[in-house]
Amino acid sequence: MIGTGYCRKIVVVSRDKGYSAMKDYWIERGIAGEQIILKSSIKSGIIASNENSIRRKQIVAESAQVSIESEYAKYKEKERIKKQLENLFAHTEFADVLPKICELTEMEKKPRGLYLGSLKRFGREDGTKIYRYIKQEGTIF
């Protein structure tokens, strides 16, 4: 329950989408909308509350470390794909456009997007050949 004069933020932790009605209820009774925060986890609720506490600082610090770890994993995956493409196209007529092929595979994460992107960048004939090389390799997607 919220007493008269309560001025701190309220965090409702739920993955349920039905809590927006509860938020509307409290707004109608004079609690400001920005005081009520709907989040799907306790961790994201603590971060969103902007409270000046040790636990929030610890969670923010842990989140920063996780971000670095996830970015490093993305980098390693990008390098793995680049190496595969180098091996795949090393002795083909497309070895000279390898940087463009790598750029294309970074932008397009699904086969359909890769196919259409290769057609746009390299033309119908070469784009189809490049796509087939990548598709036959099968480990990029």
C-alpha atoms as a PDB file:
ATOM      1  CA  MET A   1       0.000   0.000   0.000  1.00  0.00           C
ATOM      2  CA  ILE A   2       1.052   3.551  -0.588  1.00  0.00           C
ATOM      3  CA  GLY A   3       0.602   6.096   2.164  1.00  0.00           C
ATOM      4  CA  THR A   4      -0.202   9.751   1.742  1.00  0.00           C
ATOM      5  CA  GLY A   5       2.801  11.813   0.720  1.00  0.00           C
ATOM      6  CA  TYR A   6       4.780   8.862  -0.692  1.00  0.00           C
ATOM      7  CA  CYS A   7       7.269  10.303  -3.192  1.00  0.00           C
ATOM      8  CA  ARG A   8       9.653   7.469  -4.092  1.00  0.00           C
ATOM      9  CA  LYS A   9       9.532   5.279  -7.183  1.00  0.00           C
ATOM     10  CA  ILE A  10       7.496   2.100  -7.228  1.00  0.00           C
ATOM     11  CA  VAL A  11       8.798  -0.833  -9.282  1.00  0.00           C
ATOM     12  CA  VAL A  12       6.393  -3.590 -10.291  1.00  0.00           C
ATOM     13  CA  VAL A  13       8.296  -6.692 -11.364  1.00  0.00           C
ATOM     14  CA  SER A  14       6.334  -8.894 -13.751  1.00  0.00           C
ATOM     15  CA  ARG A  15       6.450 -10.198 -17.292  1.00  0.00           C
ATOM     16  CA  ASP A  16       2.692  -9.915 -17.400  1.00  0.00           C
ATOM     17  CA  LYS A  17       1.461  -7.090 -19.627  1.00  0.00           C
ATOM     18  CA  GLY A  18      -1.680  -6.496 -17.519  1.00  0.00           C
ATOM     19  CA  TYR A  19      -0.012  -4.176 -15.024  1.00  0.00           C
ATOM     20  CA  SER A  20      -0.488  -1.081 -17.155  1.00  0.00           C
ATOM     21  CA  ALA A  21      -4.068  -0.952 -15.803  1.00  0.00           C
ATOM     22  CA  MET A  22      -2.644  -0.845 -12.261  1.00  0.00           C
ATOM     23  CA  LYS A  23      -0.362   2.001 -13.296  1.00  0.00           C
ATOM     24  CA  ASP A  24      -3.320   3.913 -14.758  1.00  0.00           C
ATOM     25  CA  TYR A  25      -5.241   3.346 -11.499  1.00  0.00           C
ATOM     26  CA  TRP A  26      -2.506   4.987  -9.395  1.00  0.00           C
ATOM     27  CA  ILE A  27      -2.061   7.846 -11.852  1.00  0.00           C
ATOM     28  CA  GLU A  28      -5.779   8.624 -11.481  1.00  0.00           C
ATOM     29  CA  ARG A  29      -5.258   8.816  -7.701  1.00  0.00           C
ATOM     30  CA  GLY A  30      -2.448  11.328  -7.874  1.00  0.00           C
ATOM     31  CA  ILE A  31       0.695   9.168  -8.094  1.00  0.00           C
ATOM     32  CA  ALA A  32       2.807  10.502 -10.958  1.00  0.00           C
ATOM     33  CA  GLY A  33       3.230   8.115 -13.896  1.00  0.00           C
ATOM     34  CA  GLU A  34       7.016   8.331 -13.819  1.00  0.00           C
ATOM     35  CA  GLN A  35       6.974   7.098 -10.203  1.00  0.00           C
ATOM     36  CA  ILE A  36       5.576   3.717 -11.280  1.00  0.00           C
ATOM     37  CA  ILE A  37       8.017   1.563 -13.226  1.00  0.00           C
ATOM     38  CA  LEU A  38       7.050  -1.745 -14.860  1.00  0.00           C
ATOM     39  CA  LYS A  39       9.993  -4.143 -15.375  1.00  0.00           C
ATOM     40  CA  SER A  40      10.360  -7.841 -16.152  1.00  0.00           C
ATOM     41  CA  SER A  41      13.136  -8.562 -13.633  1.00  0.00           C
ATOM     42  CA  ILE A  42      14.254  -7.382 -10.215  1.00  0.00           C
ATOM     43  CA  LYS A  43      17.651  -6.486 -11.649  1.00  0.00           C
ATOM     44  CA  SER A  44      16.215  -4.181 -14.327  1.00  0.00           C
ATOM     45  CA  GLY A  45      13.809  -2.724 -11.740  1.00  0.00           C
ATOM     46  CA  ILE A  46      16.650  -1.799  -9.385  1.00  0.00           C
ATOM     47  CA  ILE A  47      18.572  -0.173 -12.242  1.00  0.00           C
ATOM     48  CA  ALA A  48      15.492   1.754 -13.426  1.00  0.00           C
ATOM     49  CA  SER A  49      14.710   3.013  -9.923  1.00  0.00           C
ATOM     50  CA  ASN A  50      17.828   5.229  -9.974  1.00  0.00           C
ATOM     51  CA  GLU A  51      18.167   4.843  -6.231  1.00  0.00           C
ATOM     52  CA  ASN A  52      21.493   5.848  -4.731  1.00  0.00           C
ATOM     53  CA  SER A  53      22.400   2.526  -3.125  1.00  0.00           C
ATOM     54  CA  ILE A  54      25.247   0.055  -3.011  1.00  0.00           C
ATOM     55  CA  ARG A  55      23.161  -2.728  -4.574  1.00  0.00           C
ATOM     56  CA  ARG A  56      22.271  -0.570  -7.594  1.00  0.00           C
ATOM     57  CA  LYS A  57      25.929   0.364  -8.092  1.00  0.00           C
ATOM     58  CA  GLN A  58      26.911  -3.323  -7.893  1.00  0.00           C
ATOM     59  CA  ILE A  59      24.262  -4.336 -10.426  1.00  0.00           C
ATOM     60  CA  VAL A  60      25.295  -1.556 -12.830  1.00  0.00           C
ATOM     61  CA  ALA A  61      28.950  -2.627 -12.506  1.00  0.00           C
ATOM     62  CA  GLU A  62      28.034  -6.287 -13.153  1.00  0.00           C
ATOM     63  CA  SER A  63      25.969  -5.267 -16.180  1.00  0.00           C
ATOM     64  CA  ALA A  64      28.933  -3.370 -17.610  1.00  0.00           C
ATOM     65  CA  GLN A  65      31.096  -6.479 -17.287  1.00  0.00           C
ATOM     66  CA  VAL A  66      28.478  -8.611 -18.982  1.00  0.00           C
ATOM     67  CA  SER A  67      28.348  -6.126 -21.838  1.00  0.00           C
ATOM     68  CA  ILE A  68      32.092  -6.374 -22.353  1.00  0.00           C
ATOM     69  CA  GLU A  69      31.862 -10.164 -22.310  1.00  0.00           C
ATOM     70  CA  SER A  70      29.021 -10.193 -24.817  1.00  0.00           C
ATOM     71  CA  GLU A  71      30.829  -7.734 -27.084  1.00  0.00           C
ATOM     72  CA  TYR A  72      33.920  -9.920 -26.978  1.00  0.00           C
ATOM     73  CA  ALA A  73      31.807 -12.956 -27.912  1.00  0.00           C
ATOM     74  CA  LYS A  74      30.369 -11.009 -30.862  1.00  0.00           C
ATOM     75  CA  TYR A  75      33.880 -10.025 -31.929  1.00  0.00           C
ATOM     76  CA  LYS A  76      35.071 -13.661 -31.769  1.00  0.00           C
ATOM     77  CA  GLU A  77      32.073 -14.789 -33.833  1.00  0.00           C
ATOM     78  CA  LYS A  78      32.751 -12.075 -36.414  1.00  0.00           C
ATOM     79  CA  GLU A  79      36.383 -13.202 -36.664  1.00  0.00           C
ATOM     80  CA  ARG A  80      35.313 -16.857 -37.020  1.00  0.00           C
ATOM     81  CA  ILE A  81      33.006 -15.998 -39.902  1.00  0.00           C
ATOM     82  CA  LYS A  82      35.661 -13.803 -41.534  1.00  0.00           C
ATOM     83  CA  LYS A  83      38.181 -16.684 -41.376  1.00  0.00           C
ATOM     84  CA  GLN A  84      35.645 -19.083 -42.905  1.00  0.00           C
ATOM     85  CA  LEU A  85      34.935 -16.640 -45.714  1.00  0.00           C
ATOM     86  CA  GLU A  86      38.649 -16.173 -46.359  1.00  0.00           C
ATOM     87  CA  ASN A  87      39.081 -19.948 -46.652  1.00  0.00           C
ATOM     88  CA  LEU A  88      35.971 -20.281 -48.784  1.00  0.00           C
ATOM     89  CA  PHE A  89      36.797 -17.564 -51.303  1.00  0.00           C
ATOM     90  CA  ALA A  90      40.625 -17.690 -51.242  1.00  0.00           C
ATOM     91  CA  HIS A  91      40.999 -19.456 -54.586  1.00  0.00           C
ATOM     92  CA  THR A  92      37.910 -18.184 -56.360  1.00  0.00           C
ATOM     93  CA  GLU A  93      37.168 -15.337 -58.711  1.00  0.00           C
ATOM     94  CA  PHE A  94      35.704 -13.454 -55.716  1.00  0.00           C
ATOM     95  CA  ALA A  95      38.867 -13.268 -53.581  1.00  0.00           C
ATOM     96  CA  ASP A  96      39.324  -9.591 -54.481  1.00  0.00           C
ATOM     97  CA  VAL A  97      35.852  -8.612 -53.162  1.00  0.00           C
ATOM     98  CA  LEU A  98      36.217 -10.507 -49.880  1.00  0.00           C
ATOM     99  CA  PRO A  99      35.930  -7.341 -47.714  1.00  0.00           C
ATOM    100  CA  LYS A 100      32.573  -6.565 -49.332  1.00  0.00           C
ATOM    101  CA  ILE A 101      31.401 -10.140 -48.769  1.00  0.00           C
ATOM    102  CA  CYS A 102      32.431  -9.937 -45.094  1.00  0.00           C
ATOM    103  CA  GLU A 103      30.576  -6.644 -44.733  1.00  0.00           C
ATOM    104  CA  LEU A 104      27.490  -8.199 -46.312  1.00  0.00           C
ATOM    105  CA  THR A 105      27.504 -11.172 -43.916  1.00  0.00           C
ATOM    106  CA  GLU A 106      27.801  -8.777 -40.965  1.00  0.00           C
ATOM    107  CA  MET A 107      24.764  -6.812 -42.112  1.00  0.00           C
ATOM    108  CA  GLU A 108      22.564  -9.710 -43.175  1.00  0.00           C
ATOM    109  CA  LYS A 109      21.934 -12.372 -40.533  1.00  0.00           C
ATOM    110  CA  LYS A 110      19.317 -14.408 -42.376  1.00  0.00           C
ATOM    111  CA  PRO A 111      19.663 -16.376 -45.621  1.00  0.00           C
ATOM    112  CA  ARG A 112      17.005 -14.389 -47.465  1.00  0.00           C
ATOM    113  CA  GLY A 113      18.650 -11.078 -46.571  1.00  0.00           C
ATOM    114  CA  LEU A 114      22.047 -12.432 -47.592  1.00  0.00           C
ATOM    115  CA  TYR A 115      20.678 -13.630 -50.917  1.00  0.00           C
ATOM    116  CA  LEU A 116      18.986 -10.330 -51.758  1.00  0.00           C
ATOM    117  CA  GLY A 117      21.971  -8.330 -50.501  1.00  0.00           C
ATOM    118  CA  SER A 118      24.401 -10.318 -52.621  1.00  0.00           C
ATOM    119  CA  LEU A 119      22.228  -9.758 -55.697  1.00  0.00           C
ATOM    120  CA  LYS A 120      22.128  -5.993 -55.050  1.00  0.00           C
ATOM    121  CA  ARG A 121      25.868  -5.672 -54.398  1.00  0.00           C
ATOM    122  CA  PHE A 122      27.314  -8.082 -56.947  1.00  0.00           C
ATOM    123  CA  GLY A 123      24.655  -8.389 -59.630  1.00  0.00           C
ATOM    124  CA  ARG A 124      22.464 -11.329 -60.490  1.00  0.00           C
ATOM    125  CA  GLU A 125      25.088 -13.752 -61.777  1.00  0.00           C
ATOM    126  CA  ASP A 126      27.929 -13.064 -59.313  1.00  0.00           C
ATOM    127  CA  GLY A 127      25.537 -12.490 -56.412  1.00  0.00           C
ATOM    128  CA  THR A 128      23.941 -15.887 -56.968  1.00  0.00           C
ATOM    129  CA  LYS A 129      27.363 -17.577 -57.122  1.00  0.00           C
ATOM    130  CA  ILE A 130      28.528 -15.874 -53.918  1.00  0.00           C
ATOM    131  CA  TYR A 131      25.333 -16.794 -52.116  1.00  0.00           C
ATOM    132  CA  ARG A 132      25.641 -20.429 -53.235  1.00  0.00           C
ATOM    133  CA  TYR A 133      29.243 -20.628 -52.022  1.00  0.00           C
ATOM    134  CA  ILE A 134      28.183 -19.360 -48.605  1.00  0.00           C
ATOM    135  CA  LYS A 135      25.081 -21.557 -48.485  1.00  0.00           C
ATOM    136  CA  GLN A 136      27.069 -24.687 -49.380  1.00  0.00           C
ATOM    137  CA  GLU A 137      29.529 -23.924 -46.567  1.00  0.00           C
ATOM    138  CA  GLY A 138      26.567 -24.004 -44.196  1.00  0.00           C
ATOM    139  CA  THR A 139      28.420 -22.969 -41.022  1.00  0.00           C
ATOM    140  CA  ILE A 140      27.882 -19.232 -41.332  1.00  0.00           C
ATOM    141  CA  PHE A 141      24.174 -19.415 -40.528  1.00  0.00           C
END
